[in-house]
């Protein structure tokens, strides 16, 4: 039941924390997304097991944004500020410490 804060730079697998029930995002956080890589099949893209696992943890609006923008097609990094996660995608802002 404790609050889980995403703050600072949250790169790659750290973004999976967006799926935690009690997550909040600091407005100044920087979250960095990219497609998952399937080692067994040696491919990267939105339909790999790693990408599907990540996308499942994001809310619908963020998932749609990442897929429609093709940000989950490659391993290139796509940065979103915490303020966008809060204002555009509806994630909860962390209360002041």
PDB file of N, CA and C in Angstrom:
ATOM      1  N   UNK A   1       0.783  -1.196   0.000  1.00  0.00           N
ATOM      2  CA  UNK A   1       0.000   0.000   0.000  1.00  0.00           C
ATOM      3  C   UNK A   1       0.830   1.268   0.000  1.00  0.00           C
ATOM      4  N   UNK A   2       2.157   1.155   0.136  1.00  0.00           N
ATOM      5  CA  UNK A   2       2.992   2.350   0.133  1.00  0.00           C
ATOM      6  C   UNK A   2       3.030   2.969  -1.260  1.00  0.00           C
ATOM      7  N   UNK A   3       3.178   4.274  -1.282  1.00  0.00           N
ATOM      8  CA  UNK A   3       3.309   4.994  -2.544  1.00  0.00           C
ATOM      9  C   UNK A   3       4.650   4.655  -3.188  1.00  0.00           C
ATOM     10  N   UNK A   4       4.652   4.467  -4.500  1.00  0.00           N
ATOM     11  CA  UNK A   4       5.883   4.224  -5.249  1.00  0.00           C
ATOM     12  C   UNK A   4       6.110   5.416  -6.162  1.00  0.00           C
ATOM     13  N   UNK A   5       7.173   6.161  -5.917  1.00  0.00           N
ATOM     14  CA  UNK A   5       7.471   7.392  -6.648  1.00  0.00           C
ATOM     15  C   UNK A   5       8.426   7.118  -7.808  1.00  0.00           C
ATOM     16  N   UNK A   6       8.072   7.630  -8.978  1.00  0.00           N
ATOM     17  CA  UNK A   6       9.014   7.646 -10.097  1.00  0.00           C
ATOM     18  C   UNK A   6       9.562   9.065 -10.161  1.00  0.00           C
ATOM     19  N   UNK A   7      10.875   9.169  -9.975  1.00  0.00           N
ATOM     20  CA  UNK A   7      11.529  10.468  -9.958  1.00  0.00           C
ATOM     21  C   UNK A   7      12.853  10.358 -10.689  1.00  0.00           C
ATOM     22  N   UNK A   8      13.408  11.486 -11.084  1.00  0.00           N
ATOM     23  CA  UNK A   8      14.686  11.480 -11.793  1.00  0.00           C
ATOM     24  C   UNK A   8      14.530  10.867 -13.178  1.00  0.00           C
ATOM     25  N   UNK A   9      15.560  10.166 -13.612  1.00  0.00           N
ATOM     26  CA  UNK A   9      15.542   9.515 -14.927  1.00  0.00           C
ATOM     27  C   UNK A   9      15.116   8.070 -14.756  1.00  0.00           C
ATOM     28  N   UNK A  10      14.101   7.684 -15.488  1.00  0.00           N
ATOM     29  CA  UNK A  10      13.548   6.323 -15.448  1.00  0.00           C
ATOM     30  C   UNK A  10      13.709   5.767 -16.860  1.00  0.00           C
ATOM     31  N   UNK A  11      14.734   4.958 -17.053  1.00  0.00           N
ATOM     32  CA  UNK A  11      15.099   4.497 -18.393  1.00  0.00           C
ATOM     33  C   UNK A  11      14.782   3.024 -18.579  1.00  0.00           C
ATOM     34  N   UNK A  12      14.123   2.718 -19.685  1.00  0.00           N
ATOM     35  CA  UNK A  12      13.936   1.354 -20.122  1.00  0.00           C
ATOM     36  C   UNK A  12      13.039   0.553 -19.185  1.00  0.00           C
ATOM     37  N   UNK A  13      13.552  -0.504 -18.580  1.00  0.00           N
ATOM     38  CA  UNK A  13      12.738  -1.401 -17.755  1.00  0.00           C
ATOM     39  C   UNK A  13      12.109  -0.686 -16.565  1.00  0.00           C
ATOM     40  N   UNK A  14      12.697   0.397 -16.125  1.00  0.00           N
ATOM     41  CA  UNK A  14      12.139   1.179 -15.026  1.00  0.00           C
ATOM     42  C   UNK A  14      10.718   1.644 -15.339  1.00  0.00           C
ATOM     43  N   UNK A  15      10.404   1.849 -16.618  1.00  0.00           N
ATOM     44  CA  UNK A  15       9.062   2.319 -16.976  1.00  0.00           C
ATOM     45  C   UNK A  15       7.990   1.293 -16.623  1.00  0.00           C
ATOM     46  N   UNK A  16       8.389   0.043 -16.380  1.00  0.00           N
ATOM     47  CA  UNK A  16       7.423  -0.987 -15.973  1.00  0.00           C
ATOM     48  C   UNK A  16       6.762  -0.628 -14.646  1.00  0.00           C
ATOM     49  N   UNK A  17       7.418   0.214 -13.860  1.00  0.00           N
ATOM     50  CA  UNK A  17       6.848   0.635 -12.584  1.00  0.00           C
ATOM     51  C   UNK A  17       5.554   1.426 -12.776  1.00  0.00           C
ATOM     52  N   UNK A  18       5.292   1.917 -13.982  1.00  0.00           N
ATOM     53  CA  UNK A  18       4.031   2.614 -14.236  1.00  0.00           C
ATOM     54  C   UNK A  18       2.829   1.706 -13.997  1.00  0.00           C
ATOM     55  N   UNK A  19       3.047   0.402 -14.000  1.00  0.00           N
ATOM     56  CA  UNK A  19       1.970  -0.551 -13.775  1.00  0.00           C
ATOM     57  C   UNK A  19       1.691  -0.848 -12.316  1.00  0.00           C
ATOM     58  N   UNK A  20       2.469  -0.280 -11.409  1.00  0.00           N
ATOM     59  CA  UNK A  20       2.255  -0.515  -9.984  1.00  0.00           C
ATOM     60  C   UNK A  20       1.024   0.247  -9.524  1.00  0.00           C
ATOM     61  N   UNK A  21       0.221  -0.387  -8.723  1.00  0.00           N
ATOM     62  CA  UNK A  21      -1.062   0.185  -8.286  1.00  0.00           C
ATOM     63  C   UNK A  21      -0.904   1.549  -7.632  1.00  0.00           C
ATOM     64  N   UNK A  22       0.069   1.727  -6.779  1.00  0.00           N
ATOM     65  CA  UNK A  22       0.227   2.971  -6.028  1.00  0.00           C
ATOM     66  C   UNK A  22       1.331   3.863  -6.583  1.00  0.00           C
ATOM     67  N   UNK A  23       1.533   3.831  -7.885  1.00  0.00           N
ATOM     68  CA  UNK A  23       2.601   4.627  -8.487  1.00  0.00           C
ATOM     69  C   UNK A  23       2.175   6.093  -8.593  1.00  0.00           C
ATOM     70  N   UNK A  24       3.166   6.964  -8.451  1.00  0.00           N
ATOM     71  CA  UNK A  24       2.972   8.371  -8.775  1.00  0.00           C
ATOM     72  C   UNK A  24       4.215   8.821  -9.527  1.00  0.00           C
ATOM     73  N   UNK A  25       4.072   9.885 -10.289  1.00  0.00           N
ATOM     74  CA  UNK A  25       5.157  10.380 -11.127  1.00  0.00           C
ATOM     75  C   UNK A  25       5.454  11.817 -10.732  1.00  0.00           C
ATOM     76  N   UNK A  26       6.711  12.123 -10.520  1.00  0.00           N
ATOM     77  CA  UNK A  26       7.088  13.511 -10.278  1.00  0.00           C
ATOM     78  C   UNK A  26       7.093  14.251 -11.612  1.00  0.00           C
ATOM     79  N   UNK A  27       6.615  15.477 -11.594  1.00  0.00           N
ATOM     80  CA  UNK A  27       6.520  16.262 -12.823  1.00  0.00           C
ATOM     81  C   UNK A  27       7.882  16.424 -13.495  1.00  0.00           C
ATOM     82  N   UNK A  28       8.949  16.448 -12.720  1.00  0.00           N
ATOM     83  CA  UNK A  28      10.291  16.658 -13.275  1.00  0.00           C
ATOM     84  C   UNK A  28      10.974  15.360 -13.714  1.00  0.00           C
ATOM     85  N   UNK A  29      10.326  14.232 -13.511  1.00  0.00           N
ATOM     86  CA  UNK A  29      10.918  12.951 -13.920  1.00  0.00           C
ATOM     87  C   UNK A  29      11.064  12.910 -15.441  1.00  0.00           C
ATOM     88  N   UNK A  30      11.973  12.092 -15.921  1.00  0.00           N
ATOM     89  CA  UNK A  30      12.159  11.847 -17.353  1.00  0.00           C
ATOM     90  C   UNK A  30      12.051  10.347 -17.568  1.00  0.00           C
ATOM     91  N   UNK A  31      11.042   9.912 -18.319  1.00  0.00           N
ATOM     92  CA  UNK A  31      10.853   8.491 -18.593  1.00  0.00           C
ATOM     93  C   UNK A  31      11.270   8.209 -20.026  1.00  0.00           C
ATOM     94  N   UNK A  32      12.026   7.137 -20.209  1.00  0.00           N
ATOM     95  CA  UNK A  32      12.609   6.835 -21.511  1.00  0.00           C
ATOM     96  C   UNK A  32      12.123   5.456 -21.966  1.00  0.00           C
ATOM     97  N   UNK A  33      11.464   5.432 -23.117  1.00  0.00           N
ATOM     98  CA  UNK A  33      10.827   4.229 -23.649  1.00  0.00           C
ATOM     99  C   UNK A  33      11.546   3.753 -24.908  1.00  0.00           C
ATOM    100  N   UNK A  34      11.463   2.454 -25.155  1.00  0.00           N
ATOM    101  CA  UNK A  34      11.959   1.864 -26.401  1.00  0.00           C
ATOM    102  C   UNK A  34      11.377   0.464 -26.519  1.00  0.00           C
ATOM    103  N   UNK A  35      11.500  -0.121 -27.689  1.00  0.00           N
ATOM    104  CA  UNK A  35      10.998  -1.476 -27.919  1.00  0.00           C
ATOM    105  C   UNK A  35      11.844  -2.498 -27.185  1.00  0.00           C
ATOM    106  N   UNK A  36      11.230  -3.595 -26.833  1.00  0.00           N
ATOM    107  CA  UNK A  36      11.960  -4.701 -26.230  1.00  0.00           C
ATOM    108  C   UNK A  36      12.628  -5.550 -27.292  1.00  0.00           C
ATOM    109  N   UNK A  37      13.675  -6.224 -26.879  1.00  0.00           N
ATOM    110  CA  UNK A  37      14.418  -7.095 -27.791  1.00  0.00           C
ATOM    111  C   UNK A  37      14.202  -8.548 -27.379  1.00  0.00           C
ATOM    112  N   UNK A  38      13.871  -9.385 -28.336  1.00  0.00           N
ATOM    113  CA  UNK A  38      13.710 -10.819 -28.102  1.00  0.00           C
ATOM    114  C   UNK A  38      15.040 -11.492 -28.436  1.00  0.00           C
ATOM    115  N   UNK A  39      15.735 -11.937 -27.419  1.00  0.00           N
ATOM    116  CA  UNK A  39      17.058 -12.534 -27.608  1.00  0.00           C
ATOM    117  C   UNK A  39      16.965 -13.840 -28.399  1.00  0.00           C
ATOM    118  N   UNK A  40      15.986 -14.669 -28.074  1.00  0.00           N
ATOM    119  CA  UNK A  40      15.859 -15.972 -28.742  1.00  0.00           C
ATOM    120  C   UNK A  40      15.635 -15.819 -30.241  1.00  0.00           C
ATOM    121  N   UNK A  41      14.823 -14.833 -30.631  1.00  0.00           N
ATOM    122  CA  UNK A  41      14.526 -14.625 -32.049  1.00  0.00           C
ATOM    123  C   UNK A  41      15.388 -13.521 -32.661  1.00  0.00           C
ATOM    124  N   UNK A  42      16.212 -12.876 -31.829  1.00  0.00           N
ATOM    125  CA  UNK A  42      17.082 -11.789 -32.260  1.00  0.00           C
ATOM    126  C   UNK A  42      16.333 -10.736 -33.077  1.00  0.00           C
ATOM    127  N   UNK A  43      15.255 -10.208 -32.470  1.00  0.00           N
ATOM    128  CA  UNK A  43      14.495  -9.153 -33.136  1.00  0.00           C
ATOM    129  C   UNK A  43      13.950  -8.179 -32.099  1.00  0.00           C
ATOM    130  N   UNK A  44      13.682  -6.987 -32.579  1.00  0.00           N
ATOM    131  CA  UNK A  44      13.173  -5.910 -31.751  1.00  0.00           C
ATOM    132  C   UNK A  44      11.895  -5.392 -32.385  1.00  0.00           C
ATOM    133  N   UNK A  45      10.919  -5.059 -31.565  1.00  0.00           N
ATOM    134  CA  UNK A  45       9.685  -4.496 -32.116  1.00  0.00           C
ATOM    135  C   UNK A  45       8.534  -4.594 -31.141  1.00  0.00           C
ATOM    136  N   UNK A  46       7.390  -4.057 -31.531  1.00  0.00           N
ATOM    137  CA  UNK A  46       6.242  -4.002 -30.634  1.00  0.00           C
ATOM    138  C   UNK A  46       5.620  -5.362 -30.334  1.00  0.00           C
ATOM    139  N   UNK A  47       5.905  -6.349 -31.156  1.00  0.00           N
ATOM    140  CA  UNK A  47       5.283  -7.656 -30.956  1.00  0.00           C
ATOM    141  C   UNK A  47       6.199  -8.670 -30.275  1.00  0.00           C
ATOM    142  N   UNK A  48       7.352  -8.212 -29.777  1.00  0.00           N
ATOM    143  CA  UNK A  48       8.207  -9.126 -29.022  1.00  0.00           C
ATOM    144  C   UNK A  48       7.615  -9.327 -27.628  1.00  0.00           C
ATOM    145  N   UNK A  49       8.000 -10.386 -26.994  1.00  0.00           N
ATOM    146  CA  UNK A  49       7.487 -10.673 -25.647  1.00  0.00           C
ATOM    147  C   UNK A  49       7.844  -9.549 -24.672  1.00  0.00           C
ATOM    148  N   UNK A  50       9.053  -9.021 -24.790  1.00  0.00           N
ATOM    149  CA  UNK A  50       9.481  -7.939 -23.890  1.00  0.00           C
ATOM    150  C   UNK A  50       8.655  -6.673 -24.112  1.00  0.00           C
ATOM    151  N   UNK A  51       8.394  -6.325 -25.358  1.00  0.00           N
ATOM    152  CA  UNK A  51       7.579  -5.133 -25.635  1.00  0.00           C
ATOM    153  C   UNK A  51       6.148  -5.334 -25.161  1.00  0.00           C
ATOM    154  N   UNK A  52       5.588  -6.490 -25.411  1.00  0.00           N
ATOM    155  CA  UNK A  52       4.204  -6.756 -24.966  1.00  0.00           C
ATOM    156  C   UNK A  52       4.108  -6.691 -23.451  1.00  0.00           C
ATOM    157  N   UNK A  53       5.115  -7.200 -22.747  1.00  0.00           N
ATOM    158  CA  UNK A  53       5.110  -7.160 -21.282  1.00  0.00           C
ATOM    159  C   UNK A  53       5.129  -5.719 -20.786  1.00  0.00           C
ATOM    160  N   UNK A  54       5.916  -4.871 -21.426  1.00  0.00           N
ATOM    161  CA  UNK A  54       5.964  -3.465 -21.031  1.00  0.00           C
ATOM    162  C   UNK A  54       4.645  -2.772 -21.364  1.00  0.00           C
ATOM    163  N   UNK A  55       4.194  -2.921 -22.581  1.00  0.00           N
ATOM    164  CA  UNK A  55       2.960  -2.251 -23.006  1.00  0.00           C
ATOM    165  C   UNK A  55       1.768  -2.635 -22.136  1.00  0.00           C
ATOM    166  N   UNK A  56       1.723  -3.856 -21.680  1.00  0.00           N
ATOM    167  CA  UNK A  56       0.639  -4.329 -20.816  1.00  0.00           C
ATOM    168  C   UNK A  56       0.576  -3.532 -19.511  1.00  0.00           C
ATOM    169  N   UNK A  57       1.709  -3.047 -19.051  1.00  0.00           N
ATOM    170  CA  UNK A  57       1.776  -2.326 -17.777  1.00  0.00           C
ATOM    171  C   UNK A  57       1.438  -0.841 -17.898  1.00  0.00           C
ATOM    172  N   UNK A  58       1.381  -0.320 -19.120  1.00  0.00           N
ATOM    173  CA  UNK A  58       1.067   1.089 -19.330  1.00  0.00           C
ATOM    174  C   UNK A  58      -0.445   1.251 -19.480  1.00  0.00           C
ATOM    175  N   UNK A  59      -0.954   2.440 -19.173  1.00  0.00           N
ATOM    176  CA  UNK A  59      -2.384   2.640 -19.390  1.00  0.00           C
ATOM    177  C   UNK A  59      -2.686   2.741 -20.886  1.00  0.00           C
ATOM    178  N   UNK A  60      -3.946   2.668 -21.219  1.00  0.00           N
ATOM    179  CA  UNK A  60      -4.356   2.588 -22.623  1.00  0.00           C
ATOM    180  C   UNK A  60      -3.888   3.793 -23.442  1.00  0.00           C
ATOM    181  N   UNK A  61      -3.985   4.994 -22.903  1.00  0.00           N
ATOM    182  CA  UNK A  61      -3.611   6.169 -23.692  1.00  0.00           C
ATOM    183  C   UNK A  61      -2.105   6.217 -23.958  1.00  0.00           C
ATOM    184  N   UNK A  62      -1.287   5.851 -22.991  1.00  0.00           N
ATOM    185  CA  UNK A  62       0.157   5.811 -23.215  1.00  0.00           C
ATOM    186  C   UNK A  62       0.507   4.692 -24.183  1.00  0.00           C
ATOM    187  N   UNK A  63      -0.108   3.539 -24.023  1.00  0.00           N
ATOM    188  CA  UNK A  63       0.140   2.403 -24.920  1.00  0.00           C
ATOM    189  C   UNK A  63      -0.184   2.791 -26.368  1.00  0.00           C
ATOM    190  N   UNK A  64      -1.335   3.418 -26.579  1.00  0.00           N
ATOM    191  CA  UNK A  64      -1.746   3.831 -27.926  1.00  0.00           C
ATOM    192  C   UNK A  64      -0.755   4.853 -28.502  1.00  0.00           C
ATOM    193  N   UNK A  65      -0.339   5.822 -27.687  1.00  0.00           N
ATOM    194  CA  UNK A  65       0.623   6.835 -28.122  1.00  0.00           C
ATOM    195  C   UNK A  65       1.936   6.186 -28.573  1.00  0.00           C
ATOM    196  N   UNK A  66       2.457   5.280 -27.783  1.00  0.00           N
ATOM    197  CA  UNK A  66       3.728   4.631 -28.113  1.00  0.00           C
ATOM    198  C   UNK A  66       3.623   3.783 -29.378  1.00  0.00           C
ATOM    199  N   UNK A  67       2.512   3.086 -29.537  1.00  0.00           N
ATOM    200  CA  UNK A  67       2.341   2.247 -30.723  1.00  0.00           C
ATOM    201  C   UNK A  67       2.068   3.081 -31.977  1.00  0.00           C
ATOM    202  N   UNK A  68       1.165   4.049 -31.881  1.00  0.00           N
ATOM    203  CA  UNK A  68       0.821   4.859 -33.051  1.00  0.00           C
ATOM    204  C   UNK A  68       1.986   5.743 -33.490  1.00  0.00           C
ATOM    205  N   UNK A  69       2.820   6.148 -32.544  1.00  0.00           N
ATOM    206  CA  UNK A  69       3.999   6.948 -32.886  1.00  0.00           C
ATOM    207  C   UNK A  69       5.182   6.101 -33.323  1.00  0.00           C
ATOM    208  N   UNK A  70       5.013   4.779 -33.306  1.00  0.00           N
ATOM    209  CA  UNK A  70       6.051   3.821 -33.700  1.00  0.00           C
ATOM    210  C   UNK A  70       7.281   3.895 -32.803  1.00  0.00           C
ATOM    211  N   UNK A  71       7.076   4.326 -31.549  1.00  0.00           N
ATOM    212  CA  UNK A  71       8.182   4.400 -30.600  1.00  0.00           C
ATOM    213  C   UNK A  71       8.567   3.030 -30.062  1.00  0.00           C
ATOM    214  N   UNK A  72       7.741   2.031 -30.309  1.00  0.00           N
ATOM    215  CA  UNK A  72       8.045   0.673 -29.868  1.00  0.00           C
ATOM    216  C   UNK A  72       8.505  -0.206 -31.032  1.00  0.00           C
ATOM    217  N   UNK A  73       8.876   0.422 -32.130  1.00  0.00           N
ATOM    218  CA  UNK A  73       9.339  -0.325 -33.298  1.00  0.00           C
ATOM    219  C   UNK A  73      10.834  -0.628 -33.250  1.00  0.00           C
ATOM    220  N   UNK A  74      11.591   0.227 -32.558  1.00  0.00           N
ATOM    221  CA  UNK A  74      13.050   0.079 -32.546  1.00  0.00           C
ATOM    222  C   UNK A  74      13.573   0.251 -31.125  1.00  0.00           C
ATOM    223  N   UNK A  75      14.877   0.083 -30.988  1.00  0.00           N
ATOM    224  CA  UNK A  75      15.487   0.286 -29.679  1.00  0.00           C
ATOM    225  C   UNK A  75      15.938   1.733 -29.465  1.00  0.00           C
ATOM    226  N   UNK A  76      15.526   2.631 -30.375  1.00  0.00           N
ATOM    227  CA  UNK A  76      15.826   4.061 -30.194  1.00  0.00           C
ATOM    228  C   UNK A  76      15.039   4.579 -28.989  1.00  0.00           C
ATOM    229  N   UNK A  77      15.674   5.418 -28.203  1.00  0.00           N
ATOM    230  CA  UNK A  77      15.037   5.943 -26.994  1.00  0.00           C
ATOM    231  C   UNK A  77      14.068   7.074 -27.325  1.00  0.00           C
ATOM    232  N   UNK A  78      12.923   7.067 -26.631  1.00  0.00           N
ATOM    233  CA  UNK A  78      11.932   8.139 -26.743  1.00  0.00           C
ATOM    234  C   UNK A  78      11.652   8.647 -25.335  1.00  0.00           C
ATOM    235  N   UNK A  79      11.959   9.905 -25.103  1.00  0.00           N
ATOM    236  CA  UNK A  79      11.861  10.503 -23.762  1.00  0.00           C
ATOM    237  C   UNK A  79      10.543  11.245 -23.596  1.00  0.00           C
ATOM    238  N   UNK A  80       9.905  11.019 -22.458  1.00  0.00           N
ATOM    239  CA  UNK A  80       8.705  11.771 -22.082  1.00  0.00           C
ATOM    240  C   UNK A  80       8.909  12.340 -20.681  1.00  0.00           C
ATOM    241  N   UNK A  81       8.604  13.621 -20.501  1.00  0.00           N
ATOM    242  CA  UNK A  81       8.716  14.183 -19.152  1.00  0.00           C
ATOM    243  C   UNK A  81       7.565  13.700 -18.272  1.00  0.00           C
ATOM    244  N   UNK A  82       7.822  13.684 -16.967  1.00  0.00           N
ATOM    245  CA  UNK A  82       6.782  13.298 -16.025  1.00  0.00           C
ATOM    246  C   UNK A  82       5.534  14.148 -16.183  1.00  0.00           C
ATOM    247  N   UNK A  83       5.717  15.424 -16.492  1.00  0.00           N
ATOM    248  CA  UNK A  83       4.560  16.305 -16.670  1.00  0.00           C
ATOM    249  C   UNK A  83       3.643  15.811 -17.788  1.00  0.00           C
ATOM    250  N   UNK A  84       4.209  15.247 -18.861  1.00  0.00           N
ATOM    251  CA  UNK A  84       3.381  14.699 -19.944  1.00  0.00           C
ATOM    252  C   UNK A  84       2.653  13.441 -19.478  1.00  0.00           C
ATOM    253  N   UNK A  85       3.344  12.606 -18.699  1.00  0.00           N
ATOM    254  CA  UNK A  85       2.692  11.399 -18.185  1.00  0.00           C
ATOM    255  C   UNK A  85       1.489  11.781 -17.335  1.00  0.00           C
ATOM    256  N   UNK A  86       1.610  12.862 -16.597  1.00  0.00           N
ATOM    257  CA  UNK A  86       0.538  13.317 -15.715  1.00  0.00           C
ATOM    258  C   UNK A  86      -0.560  14.021 -16.507  1.00  0.00           C
ATOM    259  N   UNK A  87      -0.187  15.047 -17.271  1.00  0.00           N
ATOM    260  CA  UNK A  87      -1.170  15.896 -17.942  1.00  0.00           C
ATOM    261  C   UNK A  87      -1.806  15.252 -19.162  1.00  0.00           C
ATOM    262  N   UNK A  88      -1.034  14.526 -19.928  1.00  0.00           N
ATOM    263  CA  UNK A  88      -1.544  13.959 -21.185  1.00  0.00           C
ATOM    264  C   UNK A  88      -2.059  12.527 -21.032  1.00  0.00           C
ATOM    265  N   UNK A  89      -1.394  11.751 -20.168  1.00  0.00           N
ATOM    266  CA  UNK A  89      -1.732  10.333 -20.096  1.00  0.00           C
ATOM    267  C   UNK A  89      -2.430   9.921 -18.798  1.00  0.00           C
ATOM    268  N   UNK A  90      -2.631  10.860 -17.910  1.00  0.00           N
ATOM    269  CA  UNK A  90      -3.463  10.604 -16.735  1.00  0.00           C
ATOM    270  C   UNK A  90      -2.817   9.884 -15.566  1.00  0.00           C
ATOM    271  N   UNK A  91      -1.497   9.821 -15.538  1.00  0.00           N
ATOM    272  CA  UNK A  91      -0.856   9.216 -14.369  1.00  0.00           C
ATOM    273  C   UNK A  91      -0.917  10.198 -13.197  1.00  0.00           C
ATOM    274  N   UNK A  92      -0.895   9.671 -12.020  1.00  0.00           N
ATOM    275  CA  UNK A  92      -1.031  10.480 -10.802  1.00  0.00           C
ATOM    276  C   UNK A  92       0.278  11.195 -10.472  1.00  0.00           C
ATOM    277  N   UNK A  93       0.161  12.498 -10.204  1.00  0.00           N
ATOM    278  CA  UNK A  93       1.319  13.287  -9.790  1.00  0.00           C
ATOM    279  C   UNK A  93       1.658  12.956  -8.338  1.00  0.00           C
ATOM    280  N   UNK A  94       2.930  12.903  -8.046  1.00  0.00           N
ATOM    281  CA  UNK A  94       3.368  12.684  -6.660  1.00  0.00           C
ATOM    282  C   UNK A  94       3.071  13.925  -5.833  1.00  0.00           C
ATOM    283  N   UNK A  95       2.612  13.711  -4.613  1.00  0.00           N
ATOM    284  CA  UNK A  95       2.451  14.860  -3.725  1.00  0.00           C
ATOM    285  C   UNK A  95       3.821  15.412  -3.324  1.00  0.00           C
ATOM    286  N   UNK A  96       3.853  16.649  -2.919  1.00  0.00           N
ATOM    287  CA  UNK A  96       5.107  17.247  -2.452  1.00  0.00           C
ATOM    288  C   UNK A  96       5.636  16.468  -1.258  1.00  0.00           C
ATOM    289  N   UNK A  97       6.960  16.375  -1.193  1.00  0.00           N
ATOM    290  CA  UNK A  97       7.596  15.654  -0.083  1.00  0.00           C
ATOM    291  C   UNK A  97       7.528  16.484   1.178  1.00  0.00           C
TER     292      UNK A  97
END
